[in-house]
Amino acid sequence: MNAWGGRGVLALVAAWLVISLALAAAHLYVGHLLELGLLADLLTHATVLFAGGVVAIVAIAIWRRRAQRAEARRREVESHLRRAERLEAVGTLAGGIAHDFNNALFVITGYTEMALEHAAPGSTLRSDLEEVLASARRSRDLVRQLLAFARGSSGERVALQAGSVIKEVVKLMRAGLPPSIELVSTVDDGGLRVYAQPTEVHQIATHLCTNAAQAMEAGGGRIEVDLRAVEIGPQGNAVALAPGEYLRLTVSDTGPGIERSLLERVFEPFFTTRAPGAGTGMGLSVVHGIAARLGGTVTVDSAPGEGATFTVYLPASREIRPEGEGAAGPVPRGEGRILFVDDDRALVTMVSRILEELGFEVDGVTDAAEALERFRADPGGYDLLIADLVMPGMGGCELAADLRRHRPELPVILCTGHGSAAAGSVDREEFPFLLVKPLGIRELRRVMGQAIGPAAGGRDSSGAK
């Protein structure tokens, strides 16, 4: 029994004793009044006693109702706290794995870009490598979103052609669906673009399609994906959005549908109608959160036996901004001696090979103490230090500061797998070049050219400056 329940029982017992004593006293008093013949006084006192009893009972009922409301509020607060603790745990986990995961992605993207340099244009090999690179970049963006969630910040957004992202999601989903589920799509964005990260739109479409497929995994059915440009006016605006142009993504299924009583809860974090262990209950919550961050909304229409339709509205415009990963063509070559330091051996091997293929001489080490020893042996022999920001024993900033005591003008590039928020711990006047892993070969070469200057720059593939 909880505390409020115990107090309620005690209060009722006390009230019963008070009323019993009052009735006993009233009985004696009535007998006395009858003996004296004072019937008027009897009626007056009886009225007072009755009114007092009613007031006591009403007061107890009100107190009990308030106690029940307080108990319900306490349980609601505890539920919100548990949910917040779960979300905080997700954020902490994201921050903890980001460094190692970004290092692994750096290795994947690096070797893939090297292989692309040697793949024939139009070949199947080149197409496959481009798919690998695209997937690695999506994984990079996912890690950045997780870090942004953990730290309460947001990533960089671009004017995105959402139609290409939806087509890619449909292609990937169709390959993984069982034969009993049909997936059809219609994509017509009308030339509109949404200001978003590619991964955000990718997540919205993937979660909605996955949710539809899971609803029909037992009996099969049909999923319809429709993207089109719409204009919302000031009149008849059922979705409560500002008037303007929007991209509307609709994902419908022919599954069992959703109970009307559950429709208001489907976007709650961790809410799921699936069996324990069969789902996290986070997919639709993520869709709702992304749509809201982008200035849009998501609605659901469903009934038992009639399937479900989820509709996402995202603000759109015809403004075009660059969204690519960089210019095409061969990566510029260079020359110079580089000291590269990172505690991930696979990453050191990959970056050393890339830079050597581009014409640089590289000393790659996994220990800051070894890097310090090599530099002290030949302080004037290095043109650039590239170091990881966080390493066991000695980080990149400490290592660079130590090396600059021997050679103050040494150019330095710092790298981090902890996201752009790590820049807050770096003195950007002293170390202006900070790269966030994973990064592409072209980005690394561009920043190297800025750090070293003419010594690193631009020779074409033949070696001519």
Protein backbone atom coordinates (compact mmCIF):
# COMPACT_ATOMS: atom_id res chain seq x y z
CA MET A 1 0.00 0.00 0.00
CA ASN A 2 1.40 3.44 -0.94
CA ALA A 3 1.71 6.40 1.43
CA TRP A 4 -1.40 8.16 0.17
CA GLY A 5 -3.49 4.99 0.52
CA GLY A 6 -2.35 4.51 4.13
CA ARG A 7 -3.21 8.09 5.02
CA GLY A 8 -6.64 7.71 3.41
CA VAL A 9 -7.48 4.65 5.55
CA LEU A 10 -6.34 6.42 8.71
CA ALA A 11 -8.47 9.43 7.82
CA LEU A 12 -11.57 7.27 7.27
CA VAL A 13 -11.05 5.44 10.58
CA ALA A 14 -10.65 8.77 12.36
CA ALA A 15 -13.81 10.11 10.74
CA TRP A 16 -15.73 6.98 11.75
CA LEU A 17 -14.62 7.37 15.38
CA VAL A 18 -15.55 11.05 15.41
CA ILE A 19 -19.00 10.38 13.95
CA SER A 20 -19.60 7.46 16.35
CA LEU A 21 -18.69 9.58 19.35
CA ALA A 22 -20.84 12.39 18.02
CA LEU A 23 -23.82 10.05 17.60
CA ALA A 24 -23.36 8.63 21.12
CA ALA A 25 -23.19 12.12 22.59
CA ALA A 26 -26.20 13.14 20.52
CA HIS A 27 -28.17 10.16 21.84
CA LEU A 28 -27.47 11.13 25.46
CA TYR A 29 -28.17 14.77 24.75
CA VAL A 30 -31.48 14.00 22.98
CA GLY A 31 -32.62 11.93 25.97
CA HIS A 32 -31.78 14.80 28.29
CA LEU A 33 -33.67 17.31 26.13
CA LEU A 34 -36.73 15.08 25.96
CA GLU A 35 -36.81 14.89 29.72
CA LEU A 36 -36.73 18.67 29.89
CA GLY A 37 -39.22 19.08 27.03
CA LEU A 38 -36.88 21.31 24.99
CA LEU A 39 -37.81 20.02 21.52
CA ALA A 40 -36.88 23.28 19.74
CA ASP A 41 -33.38 23.08 21.11
CA LEU A 42 -33.25 19.45 20.00
CA LEU A 43 -34.07 20.34 16.39
CA THR A 44 -31.54 23.18 16.35
CA HIS A 45 -28.72 21.05 17.69
CA ALA A 46 -29.62 18.14 15.39
CA THR A 47 -29.38 20.45 12.39
CA VAL A 48 -25.95 21.66 13.51
CA LEU A 49 -24.70 18.11 14.03
CA PHE A 50 -25.98 17.00 10.60
CA ALA A 51 -24.38 19.94 8.81
CA GLY A 52 -21.10 19.37 10.58
CA GLY A 53 -21.08 15.71 9.54
CA VAL A 54 -21.76 16.62 5.92
CA VAL A 55 -18.93 19.16 5.93
CA ALA A 56 -16.55 16.58 7.43
CA ILE A 57 -17.44 13.97 4.83
CA VAL A 58 -17.09 16.46 1.94
CA ALA A 59 -13.72 17.64 3.28
CA ILE A 60 -12.45 14.05 3.49
CA ALA A 61 -13.63 13.36 -0.08
CA ILE A 62 -11.88 16.48 -1.41
CA TRP A 63 -8.68 15.62 0.44
CA ARG A 64 -8.78 12.06 -0.93
CA ARG A 65 -9.31 13.32 -4.51
CA ARG A 66 -6.34 15.68 -4.22
CA ALA A 67 -4.22 12.86 -2.84
CA GLN A 68 -5.10 10.66 -5.83
CA ARG A 69 -4.24 13.47 -8.26
CA ALA A 70 -0.92 14.05 -6.52
CA GLU A 71 -0.13 10.34 -6.74
CA ALA A 72 -0.97 10.29 -10.48
CA ARG A 73 1.21 13.37 -11.03
CA ARG A 74 4.09 11.75 -9.15
CA ARG A 75 3.87 8.64 -11.33
CA GLU A 76 3.77 10.79 -14.48
CA VAL A 77 6.88 12.72 -13.38
CA GLU A 78 8.69 9.46 -12.61
CA SER A 79 7.77 8.16 -16.07
CA HIS A 80 9.15 11.31 -17.74
CA LEU A 81 12.33 11.06 -15.68
CA ARG A 82 12.86 7.43 -16.70
CA ARG A 83 12.30 8.38 -20.33
CA ALA A 84 14.77 11.27 -20.01
CA GLU A 85 17.32 8.94 -18.45
CA ARG A 86 16.96 6.55 -21.39
CA LEU A 87 17.49 9.37 -23.89
CA GLU A 88 20.48 10.63 -21.90
CA ALA A 89 21.93 7.12 -21.94
CA VAL A 90 21.56 7.04 -25.75
CA GLY A 91 23.38 10.36 -25.97
CA THR A 92 26.19 9.21 -23.68
CA LEU A 93 26.59 6.02 -25.71
CA ALA A 94 26.71 8.03 -28.94
CA GLY A 95 29.47 10.25 -27.60
CA GLY A 96 31.43 7.26 -26.35
CA ILE A 97 31.50 5.30 -29.60
CA ALA A 98 31.79 8.26 -32.00
CA HIS A 99 35.60 8.45 -32.00
CA ASP A 100 36.23 4.78 -32.80
CA PHE A 101 33.35 4.58 -35.27
CA ASN A 102 34.50 7.67 -37.15
CA ASN A 103 38.02 6.26 -37.34
CA ALA A 104 36.63 3.07 -38.91
CA LEU A 105 34.57 5.12 -41.38
CA PHE A 106 37.67 7.16 -42.25
CA VAL A 107 39.48 3.95 -43.20
CA ILE A 108 36.51 2.75 -45.29
CA THR A 109 36.11 6.04 -47.17
CA GLY A 110 39.86 6.41 -47.67
CA TYR A 111 40.40 3.02 -49.28
CA THR A 112 37.20 3.39 -51.32
CA GLU A 113 38.32 6.74 -52.69
CA MET A 114 41.72 5.26 -53.54
CA ALA A 115 40.05 2.41 -55.40
CA LEU A 116 37.84 4.88 -57.27
CA GLU A 117 40.94 6.65 -58.56
CA HIS A 118 41.81 3.44 -60.44
CA ALA A 119 38.32 2.28 -61.46
CA ALA A 120 37.33 2.78 -65.09
CA PRO A 121 34.52 5.30 -65.70
CA GLY A 122 31.18 3.57 -66.30
CA SER A 123 32.39 0.21 -65.01
CA THR A 124 30.42 -2.01 -62.59
CA LEU A 125 33.33 -1.77 -60.16
CA ARG A 126 33.14 2.01 -60.11
CA SER A 127 29.37 1.91 -59.56
CA ASP A 128 29.78 -0.52 -56.65
CA LEU A 129 32.51 1.60 -55.07
CA GLU A 130 30.37 4.72 -55.37
CA GLU A 131 27.57 2.90 -53.51
CA VAL A 132 30.02 1.94 -50.74
CA LEU A 133 31.19 5.54 -50.47
CA ALA A 134 27.63 6.87 -50.38
CA SER A 135 26.74 4.44 -47.58
CA ALA A 136 29.84 5.42 -45.62
CA ARG A 137 28.91 9.09 -45.93
CA ARG A 138 25.39 8.37 -44.69
CA SER A 139 26.90 6.54 -41.72
CA ARG A 140 29.10 9.57 -41.08
CA ASP A 141 26.05 11.83 -41.10
CA LEU A 142 24.23 9.49 -38.72
CA VAL A 143 27.10 9.69 -36.25
CA ARG A 144 27.06 13.48 -36.49
CA GLN A 145 23.33 13.48 -35.81
CA LEU A 146 23.82 11.27 -32.77
CA LEU A 147 26.50 13.61 -31.48
CA ALA A 148 24.27 16.60 -32.15
CA PHE A 149 21.49 14.89 -30.19
CA ALA A 150 23.85 14.09 -27.32
CA ARG A 151 25.11 17.68 -27.14
CA GLY A 152 21.89 19.50 -27.97
CA SER A 153 23.24 20.99 -31.23
CA SER A 154 22.36 20.60 -34.89
CA GLY A 155 24.41 19.70 -37.94
CA GLU A 156 24.89 21.64 -41.18
CA ARG A 157 21.98 21.59 -43.61
CA VAL A 158 21.91 22.17 -47.36
CA ALA A 159 19.28 22.77 -50.04
CA LEU A 160 18.55 19.14 -50.77
CA GLN A 161 16.86 17.47 -53.72
CA ALA A 162 14.73 15.14 -51.62
CA GLY A 163 13.47 13.14 -54.62
CA SER A 164 16.85 11.49 -55.18
CA VAL A 165 17.03 10.51 -51.50
CA ILE A 166 13.52 8.98 -51.57
CA LYS A 167 14.37 7.00 -54.71
CA GLU A 168 17.48 5.64 -53.02
CA VAL A 169 15.48 4.60 -49.93
CA VAL A 170 12.87 2.86 -52.08
CA LYS A 171 15.62 1.00 -53.94
CA LEU A 172 17.24 -0.17 -50.72
CA MET A 173 13.95 -1.12 -49.06
CA ARG A 174 12.67 -3.04 -52.08
CA ALA A 175 15.79 -5.21 -52.07
CA GLY A 176 15.15 -6.30 -48.47
CA LEU A 177 11.39 -6.91 -48.56
CA PRO A 178 9.89 -10.41 -48.75
CA PRO A 179 7.99 -11.38 -51.93
CA SER A 180 4.69 -11.03 -50.05
CA ILE A 181 5.12 -7.25 -49.72
CA GLU A 182 4.89 -5.02 -52.81
CA LEU A 183 6.51 -1.57 -52.79
CA VAL A 184 5.51 1.06 -55.34
CA SER A 185 6.57 4.70 -55.50
CA THR A 186 5.78 7.97 -57.23
CA VAL A 187 8.34 10.78 -56.95
CA ASP A 188 7.64 14.25 -58.33
CA ASP A 189 9.22 17.00 -56.24
CA GLY A 190 8.37 19.70 -58.80
CA GLY A 191 11.92 21.07 -58.65
CA LEU A 192 11.53 22.01 -54.98
CA ARG A 193 14.28 21.51 -52.42
CA VAL A 194 14.20 21.13 -48.67
CA TYR A 195 16.78 22.71 -46.39
CA ALA A 196 17.96 19.60 -44.52
CA GLN A 197 20.72 17.10 -44.04
CA PRO A 198 20.48 14.18 -46.50
CA THR A 199 20.48 11.74 -43.59
CA GLU A 200 17.44 13.45 -42.04
CA VAL A 201 15.29 12.86 -45.13
CA HIS A 202 16.77 9.37 -45.49
CA GLN A 203 15.79 8.54 -41.90
CA ILE A 204 12.25 9.81 -42.32
CA ALA A 205 11.61 7.67 -45.40
CA THR A 206 13.41 4.62 -44.03
CA HIS A 207 11.57 4.62 -40.71
CA LEU A 208 8.17 5.07 -42.35
CA CYS A 209 8.79 2.30 -44.89
CA THR A 210 10.19 -0.01 -42.21
CA ASN A 211 7.17 0.65 -40.00
CA ALA A 212 4.82 -0.18 -42.89
CA ALA A 213 6.72 -3.37 -43.73
CA GLN A 214 6.68 -4.53 -40.10
CA ALA A 215 2.92 -3.99 -39.94
CA MET A 216 2.47 -6.43 -42.84
CA GLU A 217 5.21 -8.97 -42.14
CA ALA A 218 2.68 -11.63 -41.14
CA GLY A 219 0.18 -11.43 -44.02
CA GLY A 220 1.92 -9.39 -46.71
CA GLY A 221 0.44 -6.42 -48.54
CA ARG A 222 1.33 -3.26 -50.41
CA ILE A 223 3.34 -0.14 -49.52
CA GLU A 224 2.83 3.05 -51.50
CA VAL A 225 5.41 5.86 -51.30
CA ASP A 226 4.42 9.19 -52.81
CA LEU A 227 6.47 12.41 -52.87
CA ARG A 228 5.06 15.51 -54.47
CA ALA A 229 5.14 19.30 -54.26
CA VAL A 230 2.10 20.93 -52.66
CA GLU A 231 1.13 24.46 -51.75
CA ILE A 232 -0.60 25.19 -48.46
CA GLY A 233 -2.76 28.30 -48.38
CA PRO A 234 -4.04 30.32 -45.45
CA GLN A 235 -7.53 28.83 -45.76
CA GLY A 236 -8.43 25.23 -44.94
CA ASN A 237 -5.04 24.48 -43.43
CA ALA A 238 -5.77 21.27 -41.52
CA VAL A 239 -2.10 20.64 -40.63
CA ALA A 240 -1.57 24.02 -38.92
CA LEU A 241 1.43 25.01 -41.04
CA ALA A 242 2.43 28.41 -42.35
CA PRO A 243 1.24 29.08 -45.91
CA GLY A 244 3.81 28.26 -48.56
CA GLU A 245 5.34 25.50 -50.68
CA TYR A 246 5.98 22.09 -49.13
CA LEU A 247 7.15 18.66 -50.14
CA ARG A 248 4.60 16.08 -49.00
CA LEU A 249 5.82 12.53 -48.41
CA THR A 250 3.07 9.94 -47.97
CA VAL A 251 3.71 6.33 -46.97
CA SER A 252 0.65 4.05 -46.94
CA ASP A 253 0.26 0.37 -46.18
CA THR A 254 -2.53 -2.22 -46.34
CA GLY A 255 -1.74 -3.69 -42.93
CA PRO A 256 -4.07 -4.28 -39.96
CA GLY A 257 -4.28 -0.60 -39.06
CA ILE A 258 -4.04 1.12 -35.69
CA GLU A 259 -6.66 1.41 -32.95
CA ARG A 260 -8.11 4.93 -32.73
CA SER A 261 -7.22 5.05 -29.03
CA LEU A 262 -3.54 4.54 -29.86
CA LEU A 263 -3.17 7.13 -32.64
CA GLU A 264 -2.19 9.92 -30.25
CA ARG A 265 0.63 7.79 -28.80
CA VAL A 266 2.32 6.42 -31.93
CA PHE A 267 4.89 9.27 -31.98
CA GLU A 268 5.87 8.89 -28.32
CA PRO A 269 9.44 7.66 -27.69
CA PHE A 270 9.63 3.95 -26.83
CA PHE A 271 5.92 3.36 -27.56
CA THR A 272 5.35 0.22 -29.61
CA THR A 273 2.51 -2.23 -30.18
CA ARG A 274 4.92 -5.00 -31.08
CA ALA A 275 5.93 -7.84 -28.78
CA PRO A 276 8.70 -7.18 -26.20
CA GLY A 277 12.09 -7.34 -27.89
CA ALA A 278 10.59 -6.97 -31.38
CA GLY A 279 10.97 -3.20 -31.61
CA THR A 280 12.39 -0.17 -29.81
CA GLY A 281 9.44 2.17 -30.34
CA MET A 282 11.80 4.93 -31.53
CA GLY A 283 11.24 4.95 -35.32
CA LEU A 284 8.11 7.11 -35.51
CA SER A 285 9.39 9.29 -32.67
CA VAL A 286 12.51 10.02 -34.73
CA VAL A 287 10.33 10.89 -37.76
CA HIS A 288 8.26 13.28 -35.64
CA GLY A 289 11.36 14.91 -34.17
CA ILE A 290 13.10 15.43 -37.52
CA ALA A 291 9.97 16.81 -39.18
CA ALA A 292 9.50 19.28 -36.33
CA ARG A 293 13.15 20.40 -36.44
CA LEU A 294 12.83 21.07 -40.16
CA GLY A 295 9.76 23.24 -39.61
CA GLY A 296 7.27 20.65 -40.84
CA THR A 297 4.94 18.10 -39.32
CA VAL A 298 3.77 14.48 -39.61
CA THR A 299 0.22 13.15 -39.42
CA VAL A 300 -1.29 9.67 -39.26
CA ASP A 301 -4.63 8.34 -40.49
CA SER A 302 -5.63 4.80 -39.65
CA ALA A 303 -8.37 2.51 -38.42
CA PRO A 304 -8.47 -1.21 -37.60
CA GLY A 305 -8.56 -3.24 -40.80
CA GLU A 306 -7.94 -0.22 -43.05
CA GLY A 307 -4.14 0.05 -43.04
CA ALA A 308 -2.26 3.22 -42.10
CA THR A 309 -1.16 6.38 -43.91
CA PHE A 310 1.62 8.59 -42.59
CA THR A 311 2.06 12.02 -44.21
CA VAL A 312 5.10 14.26 -43.71
CA TYR A 313 5.12 17.93 -44.74
CA LEU A 314 8.53 19.65 -45.14
CA PRO A 315 9.00 23.35 -46.03
CA ALA A 316 10.50 23.66 -49.52
CA SER A 317 11.74 26.30 -51.93
CA ARG A 318 13.24 26.64 -55.39
CA GLU A 319 16.46 28.17 -54.10
CA ILE A 320 19.45 26.09 -55.14
CA ARG A 321 22.53 25.79 -52.98
CA PRO A 322 25.55 23.50 -53.48
CA GLU A 323 25.19 20.08 -51.88
CA GLY A 324 27.96 17.94 -53.38
CA GLU A 325 31.01 16.39 -51.78
CA GLY A 326 33.43 18.36 -53.89
CA ALA A 327 34.52 18.86 -57.46
CA ALA A 328 35.18 15.89 -59.70
CA GLY A 329 38.52 15.06 -61.29
CA PRO A 330 41.86 13.77 -60.00
CA VAL A 331 43.06 14.79 -56.54
CA PRO A 332 45.92 17.32 -56.80
CA ARG A 333 49.39 15.95 -56.03
CA GLY A 334 52.03 17.64 -53.89
CA GLU A 335 55.38 17.23 -52.19
CA GLY A 336 56.84 17.47 -48.71
CA ARG A 337 57.48 15.37 -45.63
CA ILE A 338 54.52 14.72 -43.32
CA LEU A 339 54.51 13.48 -39.71
CA PHE A 340 51.13 11.74 -39.23
CA VAL A 341 50.13 10.66 -35.70
CA ASP A 342 47.01 8.72 -34.70
CA ASP A 343 46.46 5.91 -32.18
CA ASP A 344 44.47 3.87 -34.75
CA ARG A 345 46.99 1.75 -36.70
CA ALA A 346 44.63 0.96 -39.59
CA LEU A 347 43.96 4.66 -40.08
CA VAL A 348 47.68 5.50 -40.02
CA THR A 349 48.35 2.86 -42.67
CA MET A 350 45.52 4.13 -44.90
CA VAL A 351 46.37 7.84 -44.69
CA SER A 352 50.09 7.18 -45.18
CA ARG A 353 49.39 5.21 -48.34
CA ILE A 354 47.04 7.90 -49.71
CA LEU A 355 49.53 10.71 -49.14
CA GLU A 356 52.43 8.69 -50.55
CA GLU A 357 50.42 8.03 -53.72
CA LEU A 358 49.92 11.78 -53.98
CA GLY A 359 53.66 12.41 -53.89
CA PHE A 360 54.33 13.07 -50.18
CA GLU A 361 56.84 11.39 -47.91
CA VAL A 362 55.05 10.21 -44.76
CA ASP A 363 56.21 9.11 -41.33
CA GLY A 364 53.13 7.50 -39.78
CA VAL A 365 53.20 6.59 -36.08
CA THR A 366 50.59 5.53 -33.52
CA ASP A 367 52.28 6.95 -30.42
CA ALA A 368 52.83 10.62 -29.56
CA ALA A 369 56.06 9.83 -27.68
CA GLU A 370 57.51 8.14 -30.77
CA ALA A 371 56.46 11.12 -32.92
CA LEU A 372 58.21 13.47 -30.49
CA GLU A 373 61.37 11.39 -30.62
CA ARG A 374 61.42 11.32 -34.43
CA PHE A 375 60.85 15.05 -34.69
CA ARG A 376 63.59 15.89 -32.18
CA ALA A 377 66.02 13.84 -34.26
CA ASP A 378 65.31 16.01 -37.35
CA PRO A 379 63.31 19.18 -36.48
CA GLY A 380 63.86 20.81 -39.86
CA GLY A 381 62.99 17.72 -41.89
CA TYR A 382 59.19 17.94 -41.62
CA ASP A 383 56.85 20.23 -43.54
CA LEU A 384 53.63 19.40 -41.66
CA LEU A 385 52.25 17.66 -38.55
CA ILE A 386 48.86 15.94 -38.80
CA ALA A 387 47.75 14.62 -35.39
CA ASP A 388 44.65 13.23 -33.74
CA LEU A 389 43.19 15.57 -31.14
CA VAL A 390 42.59 12.86 -28.49
CA MET A 391 45.21 10.14 -27.94
CA PRO A 392 46.37 8.11 -24.93
CA GLY A 393 49.10 9.84 -22.92
CA MET A 394 49.47 12.97 -25.03
CA GLY A 395 46.84 14.61 -27.26
CA GLY A 396 47.39 16.45 -30.52
CA CYS A 397 47.46 19.94 -28.98
CA GLU A 398 50.08 18.95 -26.38
CA LEU A 399 52.19 17.21 -29.01
CA ALA A 400 52.04 20.18 -31.38
CA ALA A 401 52.94 22.61 -28.59
CA ASP A 402 55.95 20.48 -27.65
CA LEU A 403 57.15 20.23 -31.26
CA ARG A 404 56.75 23.98 -31.76
CA ARG A 405 59.15 24.62 -28.89
CA HIS A 406 61.76 23.14 -31.20
CA ARG A 407 60.34 24.73 -34.35
CA PRO A 408 57.78 27.51 -33.79
CA GLU A 409 56.68 27.87 -37.43
CA LEU A 410 55.70 24.19 -37.88
CA PRO A 411 52.31 23.93 -39.70
CA VAL A 412 49.79 21.74 -37.81
CA ILE A 413 46.51 20.07 -38.78
CA LEU A 414 44.46 18.50 -35.99
CA CYS A 415 41.86 15.78 -36.59
CA THR A 416 39.05 14.58 -34.32
CA GLY A 417 36.51 11.79 -34.34
CA HIS A 418 34.45 13.44 -31.59
CA GLY A 419 32.52 15.77 -33.88
CA SER A 420 32.74 19.48 -34.54
CA ALA A 421 31.87 20.26 -30.91
CA ALA A 422 35.43 19.21 -30.01
CA ALA A 423 36.60 22.47 -31.61
CA GLY A 424 35.54 24.22 -28.43
CA SER A 425 38.54 22.78 -26.59
CA VAL A 426 41.03 23.98 -29.21
CA ASP A 427 42.66 27.41 -29.40
CA ARG A 428 41.74 28.20 -33.01
CA GLU A 429 44.17 31.11 -33.20
CA GLU A 430 47.04 28.76 -32.40
CA PHE A 431 45.61 25.79 -34.34
CA PRO A 432 43.32 27.11 -37.12
CA PHE A 433 43.14 23.82 -39.04
CA LEU A 434 40.82 21.26 -37.40
CA LEU A 435 39.26 18.44 -39.45
CA VAL A 436 36.37 16.24 -38.34
CA LYS A 437 36.71 12.55 -39.17
CA PRO A 438 35.79 10.82 -41.36
CA LEU A 439 36.92 13.13 -44.16
CA GLY A 440 37.59 12.68 -47.85
CA ILE A 441 40.93 12.70 -49.66
CA ARG A 442 40.02 15.90 -51.48
CA GLU A 443 39.16 17.74 -48.25
CA LEU A 444 42.40 16.59 -46.62
CA ARG A 445 44.46 17.77 -49.60
CA ARG A 446 42.68 21.12 -49.69
CA VAL A 447 43.45 21.83 -46.03
CA MET A 448 47.02 20.58 -46.44
CA GLY A 449 47.48 23.12 -49.22
CA GLN A 450 46.21 25.86 -46.92
CA ALA A 451 48.44 24.79 -44.04
CA ILE A 452 51.70 24.28 -45.93
CA GLY A 453 51.12 26.79 -48.71
CA PRO A 454 52.93 26.51 -52.04
CA ALA A 455 55.04 23.58 -50.79
CA ALA A 456 52.00 21.28 -50.92
CA GLY A 457 50.15 22.54 -53.79
CA GLY A 458 48.98 21.81 -56.84
CA ARG A 459 50.59 19.53 -59.24
CA ASP A 460 48.51 17.60 -61.70
CA SER A 461 48.65 13.80 -62.07
CA SER A 462 51.76 14.05 -64.28
CA GLY A 463 53.68 15.78 -61.48
CA ALA A 464 53.97 19.18 -63.17
CA LYS A 465 53.24 22.26 -61.03
